[in-house]
């Protein structure tokens, strides 16, 4: 498979990062998910193709173990708020000094720079900030809150997976890794480029014969 031989350390998180890791695993990458200790068991629908290990990052031994895993890998997938990994001594600058070929992917809502970099948020916040939420609804009505398929999965996990694959490709040429700053808000600039944002929201849907619909 395309990513066979690529080793990924995925730090456990919600929705976008697990989805990104699952995509990489689906294409052959060896993905090891690092879970927290003493967490409740639940059905993880995005664990397909992954291995997992629980590490206590509140201990020096746990931090040392995670660092060893990261330095032996091709990709680190990190979904925490800005500064969390740096406090552990596991930020990208530290790890890239010891493994210059490492690809360090940081997946957040607002990215690593700017006034919102340290802010918490959810799918609908990122969707609204990008301008796409205003397109989801009918003319004269409030926008419809969609499932988290758009910001979390498309703008987050899928875009980050593409960034990782591109970084792996570039590493074949340069021999060097890099830091990926995957922002769910910024990722939707590609969706905005489709040109649909200049159109007014639809007013109504006319259902015609044989199940076809005409949007007006």
N, C-alpha and C. Protein backbone atom coordinates (compact mmCIF):
# COMPACT_ATOMS: atom_id res chain seq x y z
N UNK A 1 0.84 -1.20 0.00
CA UNK A 1 0.00 0.00 0.00
C UNK A 1 0.87 1.25 0.00
N UNK A 2 0.29 2.38 -0.34
CA UNK A 2 1.07 3.60 -0.58
C UNK A 2 1.88 4.06 0.63
N UNK A 3 1.34 3.88 1.84
CA UNK A 3 2.02 4.37 3.04
C UNK A 3 2.65 3.24 3.86
N UNK A 4 2.83 2.07 3.27
CA UNK A 4 3.46 0.96 3.97
C UNK A 4 4.87 1.36 4.40
N UNK A 5 5.21 1.06 5.63
CA UNK A 5 6.52 1.41 6.15
C UNK A 5 6.58 2.74 6.86
N UNK A 6 5.50 3.53 6.76
CA UNK A 6 5.44 4.83 7.45
C UNK A 6 4.89 4.61 8.85
N UNK A 7 5.61 5.09 9.84
CA UNK A 7 5.21 4.91 11.24
C UNK A 7 4.68 6.23 11.79
N UNK A 8 3.48 6.19 12.37
CA UNK A 8 2.80 7.38 12.85
C UNK A 8 2.48 7.24 14.33
N UNK A 9 2.81 8.26 15.12
CA UNK A 9 2.39 8.34 16.51
C UNK A 9 1.23 9.32 16.58
N UNK A 10 0.05 8.82 16.94
CA UNK A 10 -1.14 9.66 17.06
C UNK A 10 -1.47 9.87 18.53
N UNK A 11 -1.41 11.09 18.98
CA UNK A 11 -1.79 11.40 20.35
C UNK A 11 -3.31 11.47 20.42
N UNK A 12 -3.90 10.75 21.35
CA UNK A 12 -5.34 10.58 21.39
C UNK A 12 -6.06 11.92 21.52
N UNK A 13 -7.09 12.09 20.74
CA UNK A 13 -7.90 13.30 20.77
C UNK A 13 -9.29 12.98 20.27
N UNK A 14 -10.06 14.02 19.95
CA UNK A 14 -11.42 13.86 19.48
C UNK A 14 -11.52 14.07 17.98
N UNK A 15 -12.40 13.35 17.36
CA UNK A 15 -12.83 13.47 15.96
C UNK A 15 -11.75 13.73 14.91
N UNK A 16 -11.23 14.97 14.74
CA UNK A 16 -10.35 15.23 13.60
C UNK A 16 -9.08 14.41 13.57
N UNK A 17 -8.34 14.36 14.70
CA UNK A 17 -7.07 13.62 14.72
C UNK A 17 -7.27 12.12 14.54
N UNK A 18 -8.21 11.48 15.26
CA UNK A 18 -8.43 10.05 15.01
C UNK A 18 -8.83 9.75 13.58
N UNK A 19 -9.62 10.64 12.97
CA UNK A 19 -10.02 10.45 11.58
C UNK A 19 -8.81 10.53 10.66
N UNK A 20 -7.94 11.50 10.92
CA UNK A 20 -6.71 11.65 10.15
C UNK A 20 -5.85 10.39 10.27
N UNK A 21 -5.68 9.90 11.51
CA UNK A 21 -4.89 8.69 11.72
C UNK A 21 -5.49 7.48 11.03
N UNK A 22 -6.82 7.39 11.02
CA UNK A 22 -7.49 6.27 10.37
C UNK A 22 -7.26 6.28 8.87
N UNK A 23 -7.29 7.46 8.26
CA UNK A 23 -7.02 7.56 6.83
C UNK A 23 -5.61 7.06 6.52
N UNK A 24 -4.64 7.49 7.33
CA UNK A 24 -3.26 7.06 7.11
C UNK A 24 -3.13 5.55 7.28
N UNK A 25 -3.82 4.99 8.29
CA UNK A 25 -3.79 3.54 8.51
C UNK A 25 -4.44 2.79 7.36
N UNK A 26 -5.53 3.34 6.82
CA UNK A 26 -6.22 2.71 5.70
C UNK A 26 -5.32 2.55 4.48
N UNK A 27 -4.34 3.44 4.35
CA UNK A 27 -3.43 3.38 3.21
C UNK A 27 -2.08 2.77 3.57
N UNK A 28 -2.04 2.03 4.68
CA UNK A 28 -0.88 1.20 4.96
C UNK A 28 0.05 1.67 6.04
N UNK A 29 -0.14 2.88 6.59
CA UNK A 29 0.75 3.37 7.63
C UNK A 29 0.56 2.58 8.92
N UNK A 30 1.63 2.43 9.68
CA UNK A 30 1.55 1.79 10.99
C UNK A 30 1.27 2.89 12.01
N UNK A 31 0.03 2.98 12.46
CA UNK A 31 -0.39 4.05 13.36
C UNK A 31 -0.49 3.52 14.78
N UNK A 32 0.23 4.17 15.70
CA UNK A 32 0.17 3.81 17.11
C UNK A 32 -0.48 4.97 17.85
N UNK A 33 -1.64 4.71 18.42
CA UNK A 33 -2.37 5.75 19.15
C UNK A 33 -1.92 5.74 20.61
N UNK A 34 -1.54 6.91 21.11
CA UNK A 34 -1.12 7.04 22.51
C UNK A 34 -2.29 7.54 23.33
N UNK A 35 -2.82 6.66 24.17
CA UNK A 35 -3.97 6.99 25.00
C UNK A 35 -3.54 7.44 26.39
N UNK A 36 -4.44 8.12 27.07
CA UNK A 36 -4.22 8.45 28.47
C UNK A 36 -4.47 7.22 29.32
N UNK A 37 -3.85 7.17 30.49
CA UNK A 37 -4.11 6.07 31.41
C UNK A 37 -5.37 6.38 32.22
N UNK A 38 -5.98 5.34 32.74
CA UNK A 38 -7.16 5.45 33.61
C UNK A 38 -8.32 6.18 32.93
N UNK A 39 -8.56 5.84 31.67
CA UNK A 39 -9.73 6.39 30.97
C UNK A 39 -10.74 5.28 30.76
N UNK A 40 -12.00 5.65 30.67
CA UNK A 40 -13.05 4.67 30.49
C UNK A 40 -13.00 4.04 29.11
N UNK A 41 -13.44 2.81 29.03
CA UNK A 41 -13.49 2.09 27.75
C UNK A 41 -14.72 2.52 26.96
N UNK A 42 -14.53 2.75 25.66
CA UNK A 42 -15.65 3.11 24.80
C UNK A 42 -15.36 2.61 23.39
N UNK A 43 -16.39 2.45 22.62
CA UNK A 43 -16.25 1.98 21.25
C UNK A 43 -15.70 3.12 20.38
N UNK A 44 -14.51 2.92 19.83
CA UNK A 44 -13.87 3.94 19.00
C UNK A 44 -14.02 3.54 17.54
N UNK A 45 -14.91 4.20 16.84
CA UNK A 45 -15.16 3.84 15.43
C UNK A 45 -14.05 4.32 14.51
N UNK A 46 -13.10 5.09 15.03
CA UNK A 46 -12.00 5.57 14.20
C UNK A 46 -10.67 4.92 14.57
N UNK A 47 -10.74 3.77 15.21
CA UNK A 47 -9.53 3.05 15.62
C UNK A 47 -9.11 2.01 14.60
N UNK A 48 -9.79 1.96 13.48
CA UNK A 48 -9.54 0.92 12.49
C UNK A 48 -8.08 0.91 12.03
N UNK A 49 -7.47 -0.25 12.12
CA UNK A 49 -6.11 -0.42 11.62
C UNK A 49 -5.02 0.10 12.52
N UNK A 50 -5.36 0.55 13.73
CA UNK A 50 -4.36 1.15 14.63
C UNK A 50 -4.00 0.20 15.76
N UNK A 51 -2.81 0.43 16.29
CA UNK A 51 -2.41 -0.16 17.57
C UNK A 51 -2.52 0.95 18.61
N UNK A 52 -2.51 0.56 19.88
CA UNK A 52 -2.62 1.60 20.91
C UNK A 52 -1.77 1.24 22.11
N UNK A 53 -1.35 2.29 22.82
CA UNK A 53 -0.60 2.13 24.05
C UNK A 53 -1.01 3.25 25.00
N UNK A 54 -1.16 2.94 26.27
CA UNK A 54 -1.53 3.95 27.26
C UNK A 54 -0.28 4.40 28.00
N UNK A 55 -0.05 5.71 28.04
CA UNK A 55 1.13 6.28 28.67
C UNK A 55 0.70 7.39 29.62
N UNK A 56 1.25 7.38 30.82
CA UNK A 56 0.98 8.42 31.80
C UNK A 56 1.94 9.58 31.58
N UNK A 57 1.47 10.64 30.96
CA UNK A 57 2.33 11.78 30.63
C UNK A 57 2.51 12.73 31.82
N UNK A 58 2.00 12.35 32.96
CA UNK A 58 2.24 13.14 34.16
C UNK A 58 3.48 12.67 34.92
N UNK A 59 4.15 11.67 34.36
CA UNK A 59 5.38 11.16 34.97
C UNK A 59 6.55 11.36 34.01
N UNK A 60 7.74 11.49 34.58
CA UNK A 60 8.93 11.66 33.74
C UNK A 60 9.20 10.42 32.90
N UNK A 61 8.87 9.25 33.45
CA UNK A 61 9.06 8.01 32.70
C UNK A 61 8.15 7.96 31.47
N UNK A 62 6.90 8.41 31.67
CA UNK A 62 5.96 8.43 30.55
C UNK A 62 6.39 9.39 29.46
N UNK A 63 6.87 10.56 29.85
CA UNK A 63 7.34 11.54 28.88
C UNK A 63 8.54 11.00 28.10
N UNK A 64 9.45 10.35 28.81
CA UNK A 64 10.64 9.78 28.16
C UNK A 64 10.24 8.69 27.16
N UNK A 65 9.25 7.88 27.53
CA UNK A 65 8.79 6.82 26.64
C UNK A 65 8.16 7.40 25.39
N UNK A 66 7.31 8.42 25.56
CA UNK A 66 6.68 9.04 24.40
C UNK A 66 7.73 9.68 23.49
N UNK A 67 8.71 10.33 24.08
CA UNK A 67 9.77 10.94 23.27
C UNK A 67 10.51 9.89 22.46
N UNK A 68 10.78 8.75 23.06
CA UNK A 68 11.46 7.67 22.35
C UNK A 68 10.62 7.19 21.17
N UNK A 69 9.32 7.03 21.39
CA UNK A 69 8.42 6.60 20.31
C UNK A 69 8.40 7.62 19.16
N UNK A 70 8.34 8.90 19.52
CA UNK A 70 8.29 9.96 18.50
C UNK A 70 9.57 9.99 17.67
N UNK A 71 10.71 9.85 18.34
CA UNK A 71 11.99 9.92 17.63
C UNK A 71 12.22 8.72 16.73
N UNK A 72 11.51 7.63 16.98
CA UNK A 72 11.63 6.43 16.16
C UNK A 72 10.58 6.39 15.05
N UNK A 73 9.81 7.46 14.90
CA UNK A 73 8.69 7.46 13.95
C UNK A 73 8.92 8.45 12.82
N UNK A 74 8.04 8.35 11.82
CA UNK A 74 8.09 9.26 10.68
C UNK A 74 7.19 10.48 10.89
N UNK A 75 6.07 10.26 11.60
CA UNK A 75 5.05 11.30 11.76
C UNK A 75 4.58 11.34 13.20
N UNK A 76 4.41 12.53 13.73
CA UNK A 76 3.73 12.74 15.01
C UNK A 76 2.47 13.55 14.71
N UNK A 77 1.32 13.04 15.15
CA UNK A 77 0.04 13.71 14.95
C UNK A 77 -0.46 14.19 16.30
N UNK A 78 -0.50 15.51 16.47
CA UNK A 78 -0.76 16.11 17.78
C UNK A 78 -1.96 17.05 17.72
N UNK A 79 -3.03 16.80 18.54
CA UNK A 79 -4.25 17.60 18.47
C UNK A 79 -4.47 18.54 19.65
N UNK A 80 -3.43 18.80 20.45
CA UNK A 80 -3.61 19.58 21.67
C UNK A 80 -3.59 21.08 21.41
N UNK A 81 -3.97 21.82 22.43
CA UNK A 81 -3.89 23.28 22.33
C UNK A 81 -2.43 23.73 22.27
N UNK A 82 -2.25 24.93 21.75
CA UNK A 82 -0.91 25.49 21.61
C UNK A 82 -0.18 25.49 22.95
N UNK A 83 1.05 24.99 22.95
CA UNK A 83 1.91 25.04 24.13
C UNK A 83 1.91 23.80 24.99
N UNK A 84 0.95 22.90 24.81
CA UNK A 84 0.86 21.71 25.67
C UNK A 84 2.09 20.83 25.50
N UNK A 85 2.46 20.55 24.25
CA UNK A 85 3.61 19.67 24.00
C UNK A 85 4.92 20.33 24.40
N UNK A 86 4.98 21.65 24.25
CA UNK A 86 6.20 22.36 24.65
C UNK A 86 6.42 22.25 26.16
N UNK A 87 5.35 22.28 26.94
CA UNK A 87 5.47 22.15 28.39
C UNK A 87 6.02 20.78 28.79
N UNK A 88 5.77 19.78 27.95
CA UNK A 88 6.28 18.43 28.20
C UNK A 88 7.70 18.25 27.66
N UNK A 89 8.21 19.26 26.99
CA UNK A 89 9.52 19.13 26.36
C UNK A 89 9.48 18.31 25.09
N UNK A 90 8.29 18.21 24.49
CA UNK A 90 8.10 17.38 23.29
C UNK A 90 7.57 18.20 22.12
N UNK A 91 7.87 19.48 22.12
CA UNK A 91 7.46 20.34 21.01
C UNK A 91 8.23 20.00 19.74
N UNK A 92 7.78 20.51 18.61
CA UNK A 92 8.43 20.17 17.34
C UNK A 92 9.89 20.61 17.25
N UNK A 93 10.21 21.75 17.83
CA UNK A 93 11.59 22.22 17.75
C UNK A 93 12.53 21.25 18.47
N UNK A 94 12.09 20.75 19.63
CA UNK A 94 12.92 19.82 20.39
C UNK A 94 13.10 18.49 19.65
N UNK A 95 12.01 17.95 19.13
CA UNK A 95 12.08 16.64 18.48
C UNK A 95 12.79 16.70 17.13
N UNK A 96 12.60 17.78 16.38
CA UNK A 96 13.25 17.89 15.08
C UNK A 96 14.77 18.05 15.20
N UNK A 97 15.23 18.54 16.34
CA UNK A 97 16.68 18.63 16.56
C UNK A 97 17.30 17.24 16.59
N UNK A 98 16.57 16.28 17.15
CA UNK A 98 17.10 14.92 17.28
C UNK A 98 16.69 14.03 16.12
N UNK A 99 15.62 14.36 15.45
CA UNK A 99 15.19 13.60 14.28
C UNK A 99 14.77 14.58 13.18
N UNK A 100 15.73 15.05 12.38
CA UNK A 100 15.42 16.06 11.36
C UNK A 100 14.45 15.58 10.27
N UNK A 101 14.22 14.28 10.18
CA UNK A 101 13.30 13.74 9.17
C UNK A 101 11.86 13.64 9.68
N UNK A 102 11.65 14.02 10.93
CA UNK A 102 10.32 13.88 11.53
C UNK A 102 9.33 14.88 10.94
N UNK A 103 8.12 14.41 10.68
CA UNK A 103 7.02 15.28 10.25
C UNK A 103 6.09 15.44 11.44
N UNK A 104 5.95 16.65 11.90
CA UNK A 104 5.21 16.96 13.12
C UNK A 104 3.93 17.71 12.74
N UNK A 105 2.79 17.02 12.79
CA UNK A 105 1.51 17.60 12.37
C UNK A 105 0.73 18.08 13.58
N UNK A 106 0.39 19.37 13.59
CA UNK A 106 -0.37 19.97 14.68
C UNK A 106 -1.76 20.32 14.14
N UNK A 107 -2.77 19.65 14.66
CA UNK A 107 -4.14 19.80 14.16
C UNK A 107 -4.99 20.51 15.21
N UNK A 108 -5.36 21.76 14.92
CA UNK A 108 -6.16 22.57 15.84
C UNK A 108 -7.23 23.34 15.07
N UNK A 109 -8.09 24.01 15.82
CA UNK A 109 -9.15 24.78 15.18
C UNK A 109 -8.65 26.05 14.52
N UNK A 110 -7.78 26.79 15.22
CA UNK A 110 -7.38 28.11 14.77
C UNK A 110 -5.92 28.23 14.36
N UNK A 111 -5.15 27.14 14.46
CA UNK A 111 -3.74 27.20 14.08
C UNK A 111 -2.86 27.64 15.23
N UNK A 112 -1.57 27.73 14.96
CA UNK A 112 -0.57 28.00 15.99
C UNK A 112 -0.22 29.49 16.13
N UNK A 113 -0.81 30.33 15.33
CA UNK A 113 -0.52 31.77 15.42
C UNK A 113 -1.83 32.56 15.35
N UNK A 114 -1.77 33.81 15.75
CA UNK A 114 -2.95 34.65 15.72
C UNK A 114 -3.61 34.75 17.09
N UNK A 115 -4.59 35.65 17.19
CA UNK A 115 -5.21 35.95 18.48
C UNK A 115 -6.07 34.80 19.01
N UNK A 116 -6.46 33.85 18.17
CA UNK A 116 -7.29 32.74 18.62
C UNK A 116 -6.50 31.45 18.82
N UNK A 117 -5.19 31.51 18.68
CA UNK A 117 -4.37 30.29 18.70
C UNK A 117 -4.55 29.48 19.97
N UNK A 118 -4.75 30.13 21.10
CA UNK A 118 -4.87 29.43 22.38
C UNK A 118 -6.32 29.21 22.81
N UNK A 119 -7.26 29.60 21.97
CA UNK A 119 -8.67 29.50 22.32
C UNK A 119 -9.23 28.11 22.05
N UNK A 120 -10.19 27.71 22.88
CA UNK A 120 -10.90 26.46 22.65
C UNK A 120 -12.03 26.71 21.64
N UNK A 121 -12.52 25.66 21.04
CA UNK A 121 -13.61 25.82 20.09
C UNK A 121 -14.17 24.48 19.68
N UNK A 122 -15.22 24.54 18.89
CA UNK A 122 -15.87 23.34 18.40
C UNK A 122 -16.12 23.49 16.90
N UNK A 123 -16.56 22.39 16.30
CA UNK A 123 -16.79 22.36 14.85
C UNK A 123 -17.58 23.57 14.35
N UNK A 124 -18.68 23.88 15.02
CA UNK A 124 -19.54 24.96 14.53
C UNK A 124 -18.85 26.33 14.63
N UNK A 125 -17.96 26.50 15.62
CA UNK A 125 -17.19 27.74 15.73
C UNK A 125 -16.28 27.92 14.52
N UNK A 126 -15.58 26.86 14.16
CA UNK A 126 -14.64 26.93 13.03
C UNK A 126 -15.39 27.15 11.72
N UNK A 127 -16.55 26.51 11.61
CA UNK A 127 -17.36 26.66 10.41
C UNK A 127 -17.86 28.09 10.26
N UNK A 128 -18.27 28.69 11.37
CA UNK A 128 -18.76 30.07 11.35
C UNK A 128 -17.63 31.05 11.04
N UNK A 129 -16.47 30.85 11.66
CA UNK A 129 -15.34 31.75 11.44
C UNK A 129 -14.86 31.71 9.99
N UNK A 130 -15.00 30.57 9.35
CA UNK A 130 -14.55 30.43 7.96
C UNK A 130 -15.51 31.09 6.98
N UNK A 131 -16.75 31.36 7.42
CA UNK A 131 -17.75 31.96 6.54
C UNK A 131 -18.68 30.97 5.89
N UNK A 132 -18.40 29.66 6.06
CA UNK A 132 -19.22 28.66 5.39
C UNK A 132 -20.57 28.43 6.06
N UNK A 133 -20.65 28.67 7.35
CA UNK A 133 -21.91 28.41 8.06
C UNK A 133 -23.05 29.23 7.47
N UNK A 134 -22.75 30.44 7.04
CA UNK A 134 -23.80 31.31 6.50
C UNK A 134 -24.38 30.78 5.19
N UNK A 135 -23.70 29.82 4.57
CA UNK A 135 -24.20 29.25 3.31
C UNK A 135 -25.14 28.08 3.54
N UNK A 136 -25.21 27.60 4.79
CA UNK A 136 -25.99 26.40 5.09
C UNK A 136 -27.35 26.79 5.63
N UNK A 137 -28.28 27.01 4.74
CA UNK A 137 -29.62 27.41 5.14
C UNK A 137 -30.35 28.04 3.98
N UNK A 138 -31.57 28.47 4.22
CA UNK A 138 -32.38 29.09 3.19
C UNK A 138 -32.41 30.60 3.38
N UNK A 139 -32.72 31.29 2.34
CA UNK A 139 -32.76 32.74 2.36
C UNK A 139 -33.74 33.25 3.41
N UNK A 140 -33.28 34.19 4.23
CA UNK A 140 -34.12 34.78 5.25
C UNK A 140 -34.24 33.96 6.52
N UNK A 141 -33.54 32.82 6.58
CA UNK A 141 -33.58 31.99 7.77
C UNK A 141 -32.20 31.91 8.40
N UNK A 142 -32.16 31.50 9.66
CA UNK A 142 -30.88 31.29 10.31
C UNK A 142 -30.18 30.08 9.69
N UNK A 143 -28.85 30.06 9.74
CA UNK A 143 -28.13 28.90 9.19
C UNK A 143 -28.49 27.63 9.94
N UNK A 144 -28.40 26.50 9.23
CA UNK A 144 -28.63 25.21 9.85
C UNK A 144 -27.31 24.69 10.41
N UNK A 145 -27.31 24.25 11.63
CA UNK A 145 -26.10 23.66 12.22
C UNK A 145 -25.95 22.24 11.67
N UNK A 146 -24.89 21.97 10.92
CA UNK A 146 -24.72 20.64 10.33
C UNK A 146 -24.05 19.68 11.29
N UNK A 147 -23.95 18.42 10.88
CA UNK A 147 -23.11 17.49 11.61
C UNK A 147 -21.67 17.96 11.53
N UNK A 148 -20.80 17.38 12.33
CA UNK A 148 -19.41 17.84 12.33
C UNK A 148 -18.59 17.26 11.19
N UNK A 149 -19.25 16.91 10.10
CA UNK A 149 -18.55 16.35 8.95
C UNK A 149 -17.73 17.40 8.22
N UNK A 150 -18.13 18.67 8.29
CA UNK A 150 -17.49 19.69 7.47
C UNK A 150 -16.20 20.20 8.10
N UNK A 151 -16.27 20.76 9.29
CA UNK A 151 -15.07 21.34 9.90
C UNK A 151 -14.17 20.28 10.50
N UNK A 152 -14.71 19.43 11.36
CA UNK A 152 -13.89 18.42 12.03
C UNK A 152 -13.27 17.43 11.05
N UNK A 153 -14.09 16.86 10.19
CA UNK A 153 -13.61 15.77 9.35
C UNK A 153 -13.01 16.25 8.02
N UNK A 154 -13.75 17.07 7.27
CA UNK A 154 -13.22 17.53 5.99
C UNK A 154 -12.14 18.59 6.18
N UNK A 155 -12.45 19.64 6.95
CA UNK A 155 -11.48 20.72 7.13
C UNK A 155 -10.37 20.36 8.08
N UNK A 156 -10.62 19.40 8.98
CA UNK A 156 -9.61 19.01 9.97
C UNK A 156 -8.85 17.75 9.58
N UNK A 157 -9.47 16.60 9.81
CA UNK A 157 -8.79 15.33 9.59
C UNK A 157 -8.32 15.08 8.18
N UNK A 158 -9.20 15.32 7.20
CA UNK A 158 -8.84 15.04 5.81
C UNK A 158 -7.77 15.99 5.31
N UNK A 159 -7.88 17.27 5.64
CA UNK A 159 -6.88 18.25 5.20
C UNK A 159 -5.52 17.97 5.84
N UNK A 160 -5.53 17.56 7.11
CA UNK A 160 -4.28 17.25 7.79
C UNK A 160 -3.62 16.01 7.17
N UNK A 161 -4.43 15.02 6.83
CA UNK A 161 -3.88 13.82 6.18
C UNK A 161 -3.23 14.18 4.86
N UNK A 162 -3.85 15.07 4.10
CA UNK A 162 -3.25 15.52 2.84
C UNK A 162 -1.93 16.23 3.10
N UNK A 163 -1.89 17.08 4.13
CA UNK A 163 -0.66 17.77 4.48
C UNK A 163 0.46 16.81 4.83
N UNK A 164 0.13 15.75 5.57
CA UNK A 164 1.13 14.75 5.95
C UNK A 164 1.66 14.02 4.73
N UNK A 165 0.77 13.63 3.84
CA UNK A 165 1.21 12.94 2.62
C UNK A 165 2.10 13.83 1.77
N UNK A 166 1.75 15.10 1.66
CA UNK A 166 2.58 16.03 0.89
C UNK A 166 3.95 16.23 1.55
N UNK A 167 3.96 16.26 2.89
CA UNK A 167 5.24 16.40 3.61
C UNK A 167 6.12 15.16 3.41
N UNK A 168 5.49 13.98 3.39
CA UNK A 168 6.24 12.76 3.12
C UNK A 168 6.84 12.78 1.71
N UNK A 169 6.06 13.27 0.76
CA UNK A 169 6.55 13.38 -0.61
C UNK A 169 7.73 14.35 -0.69
N UNK A 170 7.59 15.49 -0.04
CA UNK A 170 8.67 16.48 -0.07
C UNK A 170 9.92 15.96 0.63
N UNK A 171 9.73 15.15 1.66
CA UNK A 171 10.88 14.58 2.38
C UNK A 171 11.71 13.66 1.49
N UNK A 172 11.05 13.01 0.54
CA UNK A 172 11.78 12.15 -0.40
C UNK A 172 12.75 12.96 -1.23
N UNK A 173 12.45 14.22 -1.45
CA UNK A 173 13.32 15.09 -2.25
C UNK A 173 14.39 15.78 -1.41
N UNK A 174 13.98 16.28 -0.23
CA UNK A 174 14.89 17.09 0.58
C UNK A 174 15.58 16.30 1.69
N UNK A 175 14.98 15.19 2.10
CA UNK A 175 15.52 14.42 3.20
C UNK A 175 15.20 15.00 4.56
N UNK A 176 14.37 16.02 4.60
CA UNK A 176 14.08 16.70 5.86
C UNK A 176 12.57 16.69 6.15
N UNK A 177 12.28 16.65 7.46
CA UNK A 177 10.89 16.73 7.89
C UNK A 177 10.44 18.17 7.98
N UNK A 178 9.25 18.37 8.52
CA UNK A 178 8.74 19.73 8.66
C UNK A 178 7.58 19.75 9.66
N UNK A 179 7.16 20.94 10.00
CA UNK A 179 6.03 21.13 10.91
C UNK A 179 4.80 21.49 10.08
N UNK A 180 3.71 20.78 10.31
CA UNK A 180 2.44 21.05 9.63
C UNK A 180 1.52 21.75 10.62
N UNK A 181 1.09 22.94 10.28
CA UNK A 181 0.14 23.70 11.10
C UNK A 181 -1.22 23.59 10.42
N UNK A 182 -2.00 22.59 10.82
CA UNK A 182 -3.30 22.32 10.20
C UNK A 182 -4.40 23.02 11.00
N UNK A 183 -4.96 24.07 10.44
CA UNK A 183 -6.03 24.84 11.08
C UNK A 183 -7.35 24.54 10.39
N UNK A 184 -8.36 24.18 11.16
CA UNK A 184 -9.66 23.85 10.57
C UNK A 184 -10.32 25.07 9.94
N UNK A 185 -10.08 26.25 10.51
CA UNK A 185 -10.63 27.47 9.92
C UNK A 185 -9.95 27.77 8.59
N UNK A 186 -8.63 27.74 8.58
CA UNK A 186 -7.88 28.06 7.36
C UNK A 186 -8.13 27.05 6.25
N UNK A 187 -8.34 25.78 6.63
CA UNK A 187 -8.54 24.74 5.62
C UNK A 187 -9.76 25.02 4.76
N UNK A 188 -10.73 25.74 5.31
CA UNK A 188 -11.95 26.01 4.54
C UNK A 188 -11.77 27.11 3.51
N UNK A 189 -10.59 27.71 3.44
CA UNK A 189 -10.33 28.65 2.36
C UNK A 189 -10.43 27.94 1.01
N UNK A 190 -10.13 26.64 1.00
CA UNK A 190 -10.26 25.87 -0.24
C UNK A 190 -11.72 25.71 -0.62
N UNK A 191 -12.57 25.48 0.38
CA UNK A 191 -13.99 25.36 0.09
C UNK A 191 -14.58 26.69 -0.37
N UNK A 192 -14.10 27.79 0.25
CA UNK A 192 -14.57 29.11 -0.18
C UNK A 192 -14.16 29.42 -1.61
N UNK A 193 -13.06 28.81 -2.05
CA UNK A 193 -12.56 29.06 -3.40
C UNK A 193 -13.41 28.40 -4.48
N UNK A 194 -14.40 27.60 -4.07
CA UNK A 194 -15.25 26.95 -5.06
C UNK A 194 -16.16 27.93 -5.78
N UNK A 195 -16.32 29.12 -5.20
CA UNK A 195 -17.09 30.14 -5.89
C UNK A 195 -18.54 30.21 -5.48
N UNK A 196 -18.99 29.29 -4.63
CA UNK A 196 -20.40 29.27 -4.24
C UNK A 196 -20.75 30.32 -3.20
N UNK A 197 -19.73 30.93 -2.59
CA UNK A 197 -20.03 31.88 -1.51
C UNK A 197 -20.58 33.20 -2.02
N UNK A 198 -20.49 33.44 -3.33
CA UNK A 198 -21.06 34.65 -3.90
C UNK A 198 -22.54 34.49 -4.23
N UNK A 199 -23.02 33.25 -4.20
CA UNK A 199 -24.42 33.01 -4.51
C UNK A 199 -25.27 33.26 -3.27
N UNK A 200 -26.47 33.80 -3.43
CA UNK A 200 -27.36 33.97 -2.27
C UNK A 200 -27.87 32.61 -1.81
N UNK A 201 -28.23 32.48 -0.53
CA UNK A 201 -28.80 31.22 -0.06
C UNK A 201 -30.04 30.86 -0.85
N UNK A 202 -30.33 29.56 -0.96
CA UNK A 202 -31.50 29.13 -1.73
C UNK A 202 -32.77 29.59 -1.04
N UNK A 203 -33.80 29.84 -1.82
CA UNK A 203 -35.08 30.29 -1.27
C UNK A 203 -36.02 29.13 -1.03
N UNK A 204 -36.07 28.19 -1.96
CA UNK A 204 -36.92 27.03 -1.75
C UNK A 204 -36.52 25.93 -2.73
N UNK A 205 -37.01 24.75 -2.47
CA UNK A 205 -36.74 23.60 -3.31
C UNK A 205 -38.05 23.11 -3.90
N UNK A 206 -38.10 22.99 -5.22
CA UNK A 206 -39.28 22.49 -5.91
C UNK A 206 -39.03 21.04 -6.29
N UNK A 207 -39.86 20.14 -5.77
CA UNK A 207 -39.72 18.72 -6.09
C UNK A 207 -40.55 18.44 -7.34
N UNK A 208 -39.89 17.98 -8.39
CA UNK A 208 -40.58 17.70 -9.65
C UNK A 208 -40.91 16.22 -9.76
N UNK A 209 -41.38 15.86 -10.92
CA UNK A 209 -41.75 14.47 -11.16
C UNK A 209 -40.52 13.57 -11.09
N UNK A 210 -40.74 12.30 -10.76
CA UNK A 210 -39.73 11.26 -10.71
C UNK A 210 -38.62 11.56 -9.70
N UNK A 211 -38.93 12.41 -8.70
CA UNK A 211 -37.98 12.61 -7.62
C UNK A 211 -36.90 13.63 -7.85
N UNK A 212 -36.89 14.30 -9.02
CA UNK A 212 -35.87 15.31 -9.27
C UNK A 212 -36.25 16.61 -8.55
N UNK A 213 -35.23 17.34 -8.10
CA UNK A 213 -35.46 18.59 -7.38
C UNK A 213 -34.82 19.75 -8.10
N UNK A 214 -35.50 20.89 -8.08
CA UNK A 214 -34.97 22.10 -8.67
C UNK A 214 -34.80 23.13 -7.58
N UNK A 215 -33.58 23.61 -7.39
CA UNK A 215 -33.28 24.58 -6.35
C UNK A 215 -33.40 25.98 -6.90
N UNK A 216 -34.14 26.83 -6.20
CA UNK A 216 -34.32 28.22 -6.65
C UNK A 216 -33.94 29.18 -5.53
